[in-house]
C-alpha atoms as a PDB file:
ATOM      1  CA  MET A   1    -112.829  81.128-151.443  1.00  0.00           C
ATOM      2  CA  PRO A   2    -110.676  84.424-151.527  1.00  0.00           C
ATOM      3  CA  PHE A   3    -107.419  84.386-153.942  1.00  0.00           C
ATOM      4  CA  LYS A   4    -104.589  86.578-154.751  1.00  0.00           C
ATOM      5  CA  ILE A   5    -105.279  88.687-157.924  1.00  0.00           C
ATOM      6  CA  SER A   6    -102.086  90.870-157.159  1.00  0.00           C
ATOM      7  CA  LYS A   7     -99.480  91.602-154.627  1.00  0.00           C
ATOM      8  CA  LYS A   8    -101.909  93.553-152.342  1.00  0.00           C
ATOM      9  CA  TYR A   9    -105.618  92.374-153.257  1.00  0.00           C
ATOM     10  CA  THR A  10    -107.757  89.454-153.329  1.00  0.00           C
ATOM     11  CA  ASN A  11    -110.481  88.876-155.437  1.00  0.00           C
ATOM     12  CA  ILE A  12    -112.801  89.533-152.699  1.00  0.00           C
ATOM     13  CA  HIS A  13    -111.523  93.234-152.325  1.00  0.00           C
ATOM     14  CA  TRP A  14    -112.705  93.752-155.879  1.00  0.00           C
ATOM     15  CA  THR A  15    -116.094  91.842-155.567  1.00  0.00           C
ATOM     16  CA  GLU A  16    -117.002  93.873-152.440  1.00  0.00           C
ATOM     17  CA  LEU A  17    -116.662  96.988-154.422  1.00  0.00           C
ATOM     18  CA  ASN A  18    -119.856  96.268-156.532  1.00  0.00           C
ATOM     19  CA  LEU A  19    -119.047  98.273-159.333  1.00  0.00           C
ATOM     20  CA  VAL A  20    -121.995  97.877-161.406  1.00  0.00           C
ATOM     21  CA  THR A  21    -122.157 101.330-163.138  1.00  0.00           C
ATOM     22  CA  ASP A  22    -119.333 103.725-164.372  1.00  0.00           C
ATOM     23  CA  LYS A  23    -120.422 105.997-161.337  1.00  0.00           C
ATOM     24  CA  SER A  24    -120.428 103.497-158.586  1.00  0.00           C
ATOM     25  CA  ASP A  25    -118.673 104.538-155.287  1.00  0.00           C
ATOM     26  CA  GLY A  26    -115.421 102.537-155.029  1.00  0.00           C
ATOM     27  CA  TRP A  27    -113.937 103.534-158.345  1.00  0.00           C
ATOM     28  CA  ILE A  28    -111.061 105.012-156.774  1.00  0.00           C
ATOM     29  CA  ASN A  29    -110.157 101.744-154.947  1.00  0.00           C
ATOM     30  CA  GLY A  30    -111.248  99.849-158.027  1.00  0.00           C
ATOM     31  CA  ILE A  31    -108.626 101.530-160.234  1.00  0.00           C
ATOM     32  CA  SER A  32    -105.838 100.880-157.555  1.00  0.00           C
ATOM     33  CA  ILE A  33    -106.542  97.264-157.628  1.00  0.00           C
ATOM     34  CA  ILE A  34    -106.460  97.149-161.509  1.00  0.00           C
ATOM     35  CA  LYS A  35    -103.109  99.207-161.192  1.00  0.00           C
ATOM     36  CA  ASP A  36    -101.630  96.631-158.715  1.00  0.00           C
ATOM     37  CA  ARG A  37    -102.716  93.652-160.767  1.00  0.00           C
ATOM     38  CA  PHE A  38    -100.633  94.933-163.897  1.00  0.00           C
ATOM     39  CA  ASN A  39     -97.567  96.116-161.747  1.00  0.00           C
ATOM     40  CA  SER A  40     -97.582  92.834-160.033  1.00  0.00           C
ATOM     41  CA  ARG A  41     -97.898  90.592-163.171  1.00  0.00           C
ATOM     42  CA  PHE A  42     -96.156  92.686-165.825  1.00  0.00           C
ATOM     43  CA  PHE A  43     -94.349  95.777-164.856  1.00  0.00           C
ATOM     44  CA  ASP A  44     -92.540  94.783-161.886  1.00  0.00           C
ATOM     45  CA  GLN A  45     -91.200  91.659-163.086  1.00  0.00           C
ATOM     46  CA  ILE A  46     -89.883  93.446-166.292  1.00  0.00           C
ATOM     47  CA  ASN A  47     -88.347  96.099-163.976  1.00  0.00           C
ATOM     48  CA  ASN A  48     -86.389  93.160-162.335  1.00  0.00           C
ATOM     49  CA  VAL A  49     -84.622  91.967-165.569  1.00  0.00           C
ATOM     50  CA  LYS A  50     -84.854  94.755-168.129  1.00  0.00           C
ATOM     51  CA  ILE A  51     -81.256  96.124-167.251  1.00  0.00           C
ATOM     52  CA  ASP A  52     -79.712  92.671-168.219  1.00  0.00           C
ATOM     53  CA  PRO A  53     -78.572  93.115-171.767  1.00  0.00           C
ATOM     54  CA  PHE A  54     -79.802  89.590-172.611  1.00  0.00           C
ATOM     55  CA  SER A  55     -83.339  90.232-171.203  1.00  0.00           C
ATOM     56  CA  GLY A  56     -84.674  91.323-174.665  1.00  0.00           C
ATOM     57  CA  PHE A  57     -86.642  88.028-175.219  1.00  0.00           C
ATOM     58  CA  ILE A  58     -88.317  87.806-171.827  1.00  0.00           C
ATOM     59  CA  VAL A  59     -89.218  91.513-171.968  1.00  0.00           C
ATOM     60  CA  MET A  60     -90.802  91.642-175.109  1.00  0.00           C
ATOM     61  CA  SER A  61     -92.453  88.284-174.343  1.00  0.00           C
ATOM     62  CA  ILE A  62     -94.087  90.124-171.398  1.00  0.00           C
ATOM     63  CA  ASP A  63     -94.860  93.108-173.519  1.00  0.00           C
ATOM     64  CA  CYS A  64     -96.781  90.934-175.585  1.00  0.00           C
ATOM     65  CA  LEU A  65     -98.838  89.425-173.023  1.00  0.00           C
ATOM     66  CA  LEU A  66     -99.139  92.829-171.603  1.00  0.00           C
ATOM     67  CA  ILE A  67    -100.816  94.131-174.772  1.00  0.00           C
ATOM     68  CA  GLU A  68    -103.121  91.407-175.196  1.00  0.00           C
ATOM     69  CA  THR A  69    -104.325  91.858-171.481  1.00  0.00           C
ATOM     70  CA  LEU A  70    -104.836  95.749-171.853  1.00  0.00           C
ATOM     71  CA  MET A  71    -106.817  95.020-175.113  1.00  0.00           C
ATOM     72  CA  GLN A  72    -109.221  92.582-172.821  1.00  0.00           C
ATOM     73  CA  PHE A  73    -109.598  95.614-170.634  1.00  0.00           C
ATOM     74  CA  TYR A  74    -110.343  97.769-173.243  1.00  0.00           C
ATOM     75  CA  LEU A  75    -112.789  95.668-174.990  1.00  0.00           C
ATOM     76  CA  GLY A  76    -114.387  94.266-171.579  1.00  0.00           C
ATOM     77  CA  VAL A  77    -113.683  90.327-172.689  1.00  0.00           C
ATOM     78  CA  ASP A  78    -112.165  87.296-171.422  1.00  0.00           C
ATOM     79  CA  ASP A  79    -110.384  86.604-174.700  1.00  0.00           C
ATOM     80  CA  THR A  80    -109.168  88.581-177.715  1.00  0.00           C
ATOM     81  CA  GLU A  81    -109.293  85.637-180.108  1.00  0.00           C
ATOM     82  CA  PHE A  82    -112.989  85.370-179.652  1.00  0.00           C
ATOM     83  CA  ASN A  83    -113.556  88.857-179.891  1.00  0.00           C
ATOM     84  CA  TYR A  84    -111.861  88.951-183.344  1.00  0.00           C
ATOM     85  CA  LYS A  85    -113.024  85.587-184.349  1.00  0.00           C
ATOM     86  CA  GLY A  86    -109.672  84.100-184.480  1.00  0.00           C
ATOM     87  CA  VAL A  87    -108.146  86.476-186.426  1.00  0.00           C
ATOM     88  CA  GLN A  88    -105.915  87.843-183.463  1.00  0.00           C
ATOM     89  CA  TRP A  89    -103.453  89.774-185.093  1.00  0.00           C
ATOM     90  CA  LYS A  90    -106.222  92.499-185.562  1.00  0.00           C
ATOM     91  CA  ALA A  91    -106.242  93.025-181.936  1.00  0.00           C
ATOM     92  CA  PHE A  92    -102.742  94.242-182.099  1.00  0.00           C
ATOM     93  CA  ARG A  93    -103.523  96.311-185.211  1.00  0.00           C
ATOM     94  CA  ASP A  94    -106.334  97.968-183.025  1.00  0.00           C
ATOM     95  CA  PHE A  95    -103.954  98.407-180.123  1.00  0.00           C
ATOM     96  CA  PHE A  96    -101.247  99.951-182.162  1.00  0.00           C
ATOM     97  CA  LYS A  97    -103.260 102.165-184.297  1.00  0.00           C
ATOM     98  CA  ASN A  98    -105.251 103.639-181.419  1.00  0.00           C
ATOM     99  CA  SER A  99    -102.138 104.183-179.364  1.00  0.00           C
ATOM    100  CA  ILE A 100    -101.034 107.643-179.133  1.00  0.00           C
ATOM    101  CA  TYR A 101     -97.525 106.060-178.266  1.00  0.00           C
ATOM    102  CA  PHE A 102     -97.421 103.627-181.108  1.00  0.00           C
ATOM    103  CA  LYS A 103     -99.509 104.588-184.334  1.00  0.00           C
ATOM    104  CA  SER A 104     -96.773 106.730-185.710  1.00  0.00           C
ATOM    105  CA  GLU A 105     -94.521 103.676-186.022  1.00  0.00           C
ATOM    106  CA  PHE A 106     -97.065 100.953-186.694  1.00  0.00           C
ATOM    107  CA  LYS A 107     -98.528 102.805-189.655  1.00  0.00           C
ATOM    108  CA  THR A 108     -99.970  99.791-191.840  1.00  0.00           C
ATOM    109  CA  ASN A 109    -101.666  96.548-191.207  1.00  0.00           C
ATOM    110  CA  SER A 110     -98.812  94.763-192.736  1.00  0.00           C
ATOM    111  CA  ILE A 111     -96.342  96.167-189.984  1.00  0.00           C
ATOM    112  CA  CYS A 112     -99.002  95.296-187.218  1.00  0.00           C
ATOM    113  CA  LYS A 113     -99.461  91.649-188.716  1.00  0.00           C
ATOM    114  CA  THR A 114     -95.591  91.128-189.067  1.00  0.00           C
ATOM    115  CA  PHE A 115     -95.271  92.158-185.400  1.00  0.00           C
ATOM    116  CA  TYR A 116     -97.932  89.747-184.395  1.00  0.00           C
ATOM    117  CA  THR A 117     -96.735  86.858-186.453  1.00  0.00           C
ATOM    118  CA  GLN A 118     -92.829  87.296-186.142  1.00  0.00           C
ATOM    119  CA  PHE A 119     -92.696  88.841-182.563  1.00  0.00           C
ATOM    120  CA  ARG A 120     -95.710  87.761-180.425  1.00  0.00           C
ATOM    121  CA  CYS A 121     -96.218  84.214-182.056  1.00  0.00           C
ATOM    122  CA  GLY A 122     -92.681  83.576-182.646  1.00  0.00           C
ATOM    123  CA  LEU A 123     -91.803  84.610-178.834  1.00  0.00           C
ATOM    124  CA  LEU A 124     -94.683  82.732-177.210  1.00  0.00           C
ATOM    125  CA  HIS A 125     -94.814  79.574-179.463  1.00  0.00           C
ATOM    126  CA  GLN A 126     -91.260  78.921-180.856  1.00  0.00           C
ATOM    127  CA  ALA A 127     -89.205  80.993-178.127  1.00  0.00           C
ATOM    128  CA  GLN A 128     -87.685  83.189-180.802  1.00  0.00           C
ATOM    129  CA  THR A 129     -88.412  86.070-183.324  1.00  0.00           C
ATOM    130  CA  LYS A 130     -89.324  84.799-186.877  1.00  0.00           C
ATOM    131  CA  LYS A 131     -87.888  85.241-190.376  1.00  0.00           C
ATOM    132  CA  LYS A 132     -85.483  88.212-189.947  1.00  0.00           C
ATOM    133  CA  SER A 133     -87.070  90.126-187.330  1.00  0.00           C
ATOM    134  CA  LEU A 134     -84.723  91.091-184.423  1.00  0.00           C
ATOM    135  CA  ILE A 135     -85.077  92.577-180.751  1.00  0.00           C
ATOM    136  CA  LYS A 136     -82.263  95.232-180.078  1.00  0.00           C
ATOM    137  CA  ILE A 137     -81.359  98.160-177.910  1.00  0.00           C
ATOM    138  CA  ASN A 138     -79.916 101.526-178.559  1.00  0.00           C
ATOM    139  CA  GLN A 139     -81.338 102.030-181.849  1.00  0.00           C
ATOM    140  CA  PRO A 140     -82.003 105.430-183.208  1.00  0.00           C
ATOM    141  CA  LYS A 141     -86.014 104.575-183.581  1.00  0.00           C
ATOM    142  CA  LEU A 142     -88.522 102.337-181.886  1.00  0.00           C
ATOM    143  CA  LEU A 143     -89.117 100.471-185.401  1.00  0.00           C
ATOM    144  CA  LYS A 144     -87.051  99.925-188.560  1.00  0.00           C
ATOM    145  CA  LEU A 145     -88.266  97.724-191.591  1.00  0.00           C
ATOM    146  CA  ILE A 146     -85.737  95.292-192.561  1.00  0.00           C
ATOM    147  CA  ASN A 147     -86.823  95.913-196.243  1.00  0.00           C
ATOM    148  CA  PRO A 148     -88.602  99.320-196.611  1.00  0.00           C
ATOM    149  CA  LEU A 149     -90.580  97.739-199.639  1.00  0.00           C
ATOM    150  CA  ASP A 150     -91.584  94.806-197.733  1.00  0.00           C
ATOM    151  CA  ALA A 151     -92.768  94.829-193.928  1.00  0.00           C
ATOM    152  CA  GLY A 152     -93.299  91.118-194.034  1.00  0.00           C
ATOM    153  CA  ALA A 153     -89.371  90.508-194.487  1.00  0.00           C
ATOM    154  CA  GLY A 154     -88.983  91.661-190.765  1.00  0.00           C
ATOM    155  CA  LEU A 155     -88.854  94.414-188.144  1.00  0.00           C
ATOM    156  CA  ILE A 156     -85.945  95.766-185.871  1.00  0.00           C
ATOM    157  CA  ILE A 157     -87.432  96.630-182.603  1.00  0.00           C
ATOM    158  CA  ASP A 158     -85.919  98.760-180.014  1.00  0.00           C
ATOM    159  CA  ARG A 159     -87.223  96.895-176.799  1.00  0.00           C
ATOM    160  CA  VAL A 160     -86.248  99.870-174.506  1.00  0.00           C
ATOM    161  CA  GLN A 161     -88.265 102.209-176.445  1.00  0.00           C
ATOM    162  CA  PHE A 162     -91.189  99.878-177.126  1.00  0.00           C
ATOM    163  CA  HIS A 163     -91.517  99.080-173.491  1.00  0.00           C
ATOM    164  CA  ASP A 164     -91.215 102.775-172.385  1.00  0.00           C
ATOM    165  CA  ASN A 165     -94.065 103.517-174.939  1.00  0.00           C
ATOM    166  CA  LEU A 166     -96.193 100.609-173.349  1.00  0.00           C
ATOM    167  CA  VAL A 167     -95.535 102.086-169.909  1.00  0.00           C
ATOM    168  CA  LEU A 168     -96.984 105.361-171.334  1.00  0.00           C
ATOM    169  CA  GLU A 169     -99.885 103.510-172.830  1.00  0.00           C
ATOM    170  CA  PHE A 170    -100.842 101.898-169.473  1.00  0.00           C
ATOM    171  CA  GLN A 171    -100.527 105.190-167.587  1.00  0.00           C
ATOM    172  CA  HIS A 172    -102.635 106.907-170.417  1.00  0.00           C
ATOM    173  CA  PHE A 173    -105.167 103.858-169.634  1.00  0.00           C
ATOM    174  CA  ILE A 174    -105.149 104.503-165.636  1.00  0.00           C
ATOM    175  CA  GLN A 175    -105.763 108.311-166.368  1.00  0.00           C
ATOM    176  CA  LYS A 176    -108.815 107.355-168.896  1.00  0.00           C
ATOM    177  CA  LEU A 177    -110.124 105.388-165.963  1.00  0.00           C
ATOM    178  CA  LYS A 178    -109.732 107.940-163.407  1.00  0.00           C
ATOM    179  CA  ASP A 179    -111.432 110.465-165.940  1.00  0.00           C
ATOM    180  CA  ASN A 180    -114.232 108.033-166.718  1.00  0.00           C
ATOM    181  CA  GLU A 181    -113.683 108.414-170.480  1.00  0.00           C
ATOM    182  CA  ASN A 182    -114.752 105.943-173.419  1.00  0.00           C
ATOM    183  CA  ASN A 183    -112.312 103.541-175.218  1.00  0.00           C
ATOM    184  CA  PHE A 184    -111.385 103.874-178.768  1.00  0.00           C
ATOM    185  CA  LEU A 185    -114.669 102.050-179.798  1.00  0.00           C
ATOM    186  CA  GLY A 186    -116.743 104.655-177.815  1.00  0.00           C
ATOM    187  CA  ASN A 187    -117.657 102.208-175.178  1.00  0.00           C
ATOM    188  CA  ASN A 188    -117.342 103.324-171.607  1.00  0.00           C
ATOM    189  CA  LEU A 189    -113.941 102.052-170.600  1.00  0.00           C
ATOM    190  CA  ARG A 190    -114.850 101.687-166.767  1.00  0.00           C
ATOM    191  CA  ILE A 191    -117.723  99.420-167.695  1.00  0.00           C
ATOM    192  CA  ASN A 192    -115.300  97.288-169.801  1.00  0.00           C
ATOM    193  CA  ALA A 193    -112.600  97.186-167.252  1.00  0.00           C
ATOM    194  CA  ALA A 194    -115.135  95.994-164.671  1.00  0.00           C
ATOM    195  CA  LEU A 195    -116.407  93.469-167.028  1.00  0.00           C
ATOM    196  CA  LYS A 196    -112.685  92.025-167.433  1.00  0.00           C
ATOM    197  CA  MET A 197    -112.223  92.302-163.549  1.00  0.00           C
ATOM    198  CA  ASN A 198    -114.998  90.450-162.939  1.00  0.00           C
ATOM    199  CA  LEU A 199    -114.377  87.508-165.222  1.00  0.00           C
ATOM    200  CA  LEU A 200    -110.992  87.315-163.286  1.00  0.00           C
ATOM    201  CA  CYS A 201    -112.650  87.585-159.720  1.00  0.00           C
ATOM    202  CA  ILE A 202    -115.991  85.752-159.763  1.00  0.00           C
ATOM    203  CA  GLU A 203    -115.844  81.892-159.339  1.00  0.00           C
END
C-alpha cells in the first residue's frame, strides 16, 4: 500500500526506481526524493519557526534528529545505536569530525560527547539542555566552552550558526550523491543511501 515519505512522494515512487547499484538509471530522481524527504521533515519545519527568538529549543532538537538521520544515510543503517553498539555519542563524534563544516569546532571527543549528552539527550529526553550548556544566538563563534579546561562543564552553541552549517553539510551530502562519491568510511554513498531508503520504503 502506498504511503507518503515526503510532501511530493510516496514509497512507490522510490521502489519503482529499483536503484540496485550506484550506476542504476533513475538516480537523479532518487536524489530528488531523498532531498524532498529531508526538506519536508526537517528543513521546512525549521524555516517555519527559526525567526522566533524562543525557537532555540525546537530548532536544536530537530537539528539533533537531522544529524542522526544523516548518519543513517551515510552508513546505510536503520539505527545508529545498533551500528555503534549502544555507544551512540560516537555517531555524533564521527559526524562532527568528518564534516568540513563542524570539525574545526568539535575538535575533541570530549566536546562531541558533551554535545551528545547535554544537548541531544537533554533536549530529547528532559526537554532542556543539561548542566551549564546553553543555546544562544548572535554569538561570535558557533561553539564556546563554559570552562576552557573542561569540556564536560558545558557548551554554548549559537543555534543560527549551527543550523546554517548543518544546511551546508546537507547540501554537501546531496552533491556527493550526485557525484557518486564515497562516504567518510570509504563506502559508496549511493549504495548506503539506497539501503536506508529501502528500509523506509519497503514494507
